[in-house]
């Protein structure tokens, strides 16, 4: 079983999916021409799942611009640290 799993829907008739291991993690960049988000799924130094979300400049400027938030699974307690929670609500992450 994979540690991380992602799916994406688009123009194709079927969804595309990808799996990630603790070593590979899983990264997605979803974007328009001038705005996008990059999501990193990884295992942190404590062995917990950790997800970071960054705003990018889209296809025209794909570099990470601003950390929108980090979400870590601390086993029994979920800890959320956001630079701007409104941004995460707008994209449906919270």
C-alpha atoms as a PDB file:
ATOM      1  CA  UNK A   1       0.000   0.000   0.000  1.00  0.00           C
ATOM      2  CA  UNK A   2       1.241   3.513  -0.825  1.00  0.00           C
ATOM      3  CA  UNK A   3       1.968   6.097   1.830  1.00  0.00           C
ATOM      4  CA  UNK A   4       0.622   8.882  -0.425  1.00  0.00           C
ATOM      5  CA  UNK A   5      -1.991   8.773  -3.167  1.00  0.00           C
ATOM      6  CA  UNK A   6      -3.297  11.492  -5.470  1.00  0.00           C
ATOM      7  CA  UNK A   7      -5.895  11.787  -8.216  1.00  0.00           C
ATOM      8  CA  UNK A   8      -6.687  14.507 -10.721  1.00  0.00           C
ATOM      9  CA  UNK A   9      -9.666  15.096 -13.011  1.00  0.00           C
ATOM     10  CA  UNK A  10      -9.494  16.967 -16.274  1.00  0.00           C
ATOM     11  CA  UNK A  11     -10.433  16.677 -19.906  1.00  0.00           C
ATOM     12  CA  UNK A  12      -9.713  12.937 -20.160  1.00  0.00           C
ATOM     13  CA  UNK A  13     -12.550  10.477 -19.564  1.00  0.00           C
ATOM     14  CA  UNK A  14     -10.762   8.845 -16.642  1.00  0.00           C
ATOM     15  CA  UNK A  15      -8.997  10.225 -13.600  1.00  0.00           C
ATOM     16  CA  UNK A  16      -5.215  10.060 -13.420  1.00  0.00           C
ATOM     17  CA  UNK A  17      -3.654   8.794 -10.217  1.00  0.00           C
ATOM     18  CA  UNK A  18      -0.189   8.646  -8.702  1.00  0.00           C
ATOM     19  CA  UNK A  19       1.306   6.927  -5.688  1.00  0.00           C
ATOM     20  CA  UNK A  20       4.143   8.100  -3.470  1.00  0.00           C
ATOM     21  CA  UNK A  21       6.346   6.332  -0.968  1.00  0.00           C
ATOM     22  CA  UNK A  22       8.030   7.746   2.142  1.00  0.00           C
ATOM     23  CA  UNK A  23      11.189   8.125   0.016  1.00  0.00           C
ATOM     24  CA  UNK A  24       9.632   9.663  -3.097  1.00  0.00           C
ATOM     25  CA  UNK A  25       6.855  11.688  -1.519  1.00  0.00           C
ATOM     26  CA  UNK A  26       4.237  13.087  -3.887  1.00  0.00           C
ATOM     27  CA  UNK A  27       4.269  16.501  -5.597  1.00  0.00           C
ATOM     28  CA  UNK A  28       1.557  18.139  -7.711  1.00  0.00           C
ATOM     29  CA  UNK A  29       1.533  21.494  -9.518  1.00  0.00           C
ATOM     30  CA  UNK A  30      -1.945  22.556 -10.587  1.00  0.00           C
ATOM     31  CA  UNK A  31      -1.994  25.803 -12.534  1.00  0.00           C
ATOM     32  CA  UNK A  32      -3.347  28.244 -15.023  1.00  0.00           C
ATOM     33  CA  UNK A  33      -1.217  30.654 -17.064  1.00  0.00           C
ATOM     34  CA  UNK A  34      -0.419  33.041 -14.218  1.00  0.00           C
ATOM     35  CA  UNK A  35      -1.446  31.384 -10.939  1.00  0.00           C
ATOM     36  CA  UNK A  36      -1.185  27.944  -9.433  1.00  0.00           C
ATOM     37  CA  UNK A  37      -0.520  25.860  -6.352  1.00  0.00           C
ATOM     38  CA  UNK A  38       2.140  23.252  -5.670  1.00  0.00           C
ATOM     39  CA  UNK A  39       1.441  20.603  -3.053  1.00  0.00           C
ATOM     40  CA  UNK A  40       4.214  18.564  -1.436  1.00  0.00           C
ATOM     41  CA  UNK A  41       3.352  15.379   0.497  1.00  0.00           C
ATOM     42  CA  UNK A  42       6.237  13.982   2.507  1.00  0.00           C
ATOM     43  CA  UNK A  43       7.256  12.289   5.728  1.00  0.00           C
ATOM     44  CA  UNK A  44       8.713  14.730   8.263  1.00  0.00           C
ATOM     45  CA  UNK A  45      11.700  14.049  10.519  1.00  0.00           C
ATOM     46  CA  UNK A  46       9.357  12.589  13.180  1.00  0.00           C
ATOM     47  CA  UNK A  47       7.799  10.057  10.795  1.00  0.00           C
ATOM     48  CA  UNK A  48       4.515  11.971  10.404  1.00  0.00           C
ATOM     49  CA  UNK A  49       2.767  12.734   7.131  1.00  0.00           C
ATOM     50  CA  UNK A  50       3.249  16.384   6.231  1.00  0.00           C
ATOM     51  CA  UNK A  51       1.679  18.427   3.428  1.00  0.00           C
ATOM     52  CA  UNK A  52       2.821  21.890   2.327  1.00  0.00           C
ATOM     53  CA  UNK A  53       0.894  24.118  -0.086  1.00  0.00           C
ATOM     54  CA  UNK A  54       2.575  26.929  -2.037  1.00  0.00           C
ATOM     55  CA  UNK A  55       1.212  29.595  -4.386  1.00  0.00           C
ATOM     56  CA  UNK A  56       3.064  29.709  -7.710  1.00  0.00           C
ATOM     57  CA  UNK A  57       3.065  32.009 -10.709  1.00  0.00           C
ATOM     58  CA  UNK A  58       1.408  29.331 -12.852  1.00  0.00           C
ATOM     59  CA  UNK A  59       2.825  28.132 -16.172  1.00  0.00           C
ATOM     60  CA  UNK A  60       4.480  31.486 -16.860  1.00  0.00           C
ATOM     61  CA  UNK A  61       6.423  31.459 -13.557  1.00  0.00           C
ATOM     62  CA  UNK A  62       6.277  28.029 -11.864  1.00  0.00           C
ATOM     63  CA  UNK A  63       8.535  28.828  -8.892  1.00  0.00           C
ATOM     64  CA  UNK A  64       7.151  28.599  -5.345  1.00  0.00           C
ATOM     65  CA  UNK A  65       6.141  32.137  -4.316  1.00  0.00           C
ATOM     66  CA  UNK A  66       4.329  31.959  -0.999  1.00  0.00           C
ATOM     67  CA  UNK A  67       3.743  29.255   1.580  1.00  0.00           C
ATOM     68  CA  UNK A  68      -0.017  29.057   2.046  1.00  0.00           C
ATOM     69  CA  UNK A  69       0.115  26.427   4.743  1.00  0.00           C
ATOM     70  CA  UNK A  70       1.494  23.282   6.302  1.00  0.00           C
ATOM     71  CA  UNK A  71      -0.620  20.413   7.566  1.00  0.00           C
ATOM     72  CA  UNK A  72       1.000  17.699   9.682  1.00  0.00           C
ATOM     73  CA  UNK A  73      -0.512  14.481  10.965  1.00  0.00           C
ATOM     74  CA  UNK A  74       0.856  14.086  14.484  1.00  0.00           C
ATOM     75  CA  UNK A  75      -0.788  10.695  14.930  1.00  0.00           C
ATOM     76  CA  UNK A  76      -3.518  11.479  17.464  1.00  0.00           C
ATOM     77  CA  UNK A  77      -3.626  15.226  17.034  1.00  0.00           C
ATOM     78  CA  UNK A  78      -3.730  17.142  13.768  1.00  0.00           C
ATOM     79  CA  UNK A  79      -1.702  20.335  13.898  1.00  0.00           C
ATOM     80  CA  UNK A  80      -2.378  23.030  11.325  1.00  0.00           C
ATOM     81  CA  UNK A  81      -0.081  25.985  10.768  1.00  0.00           C
ATOM     82  CA  UNK A  82      -1.191  28.522   8.188  1.00  0.00           C
ATOM     83  CA  UNK A  83       0.322  31.711   6.931  1.00  0.00           C
ATOM     84  CA  UNK A  84      -3.145  32.787   5.794  1.00  0.00           C
ATOM     85  CA  UNK A  85      -6.087  30.435   6.538  1.00  0.00           C
ATOM     86  CA  UNK A  86      -8.373  32.394   4.200  1.00  0.00           C
ATOM     87  CA  UNK A  87      -6.218  31.314   1.234  1.00  0.00           C
ATOM     88  CA  UNK A  88      -6.637  27.639   2.141  1.00  0.00           C
ATOM     89  CA  UNK A  89     -10.403  28.007   2.581  1.00  0.00           C
ATOM     90  CA  UNK A  90     -10.642  29.592  -0.865  1.00  0.00           C
ATOM     91  CA  UNK A  91      -9.078  26.528  -2.495  1.00  0.00           C
ATOM     92  CA  UNK A  92     -11.080  24.065  -0.407  1.00  0.00           C
ATOM     93  CA  UNK A  93      -8.321  22.649   1.787  1.00  0.00           C
ATOM     94  CA  UNK A  94     -10.076  23.576   5.029  1.00  0.00           C
END
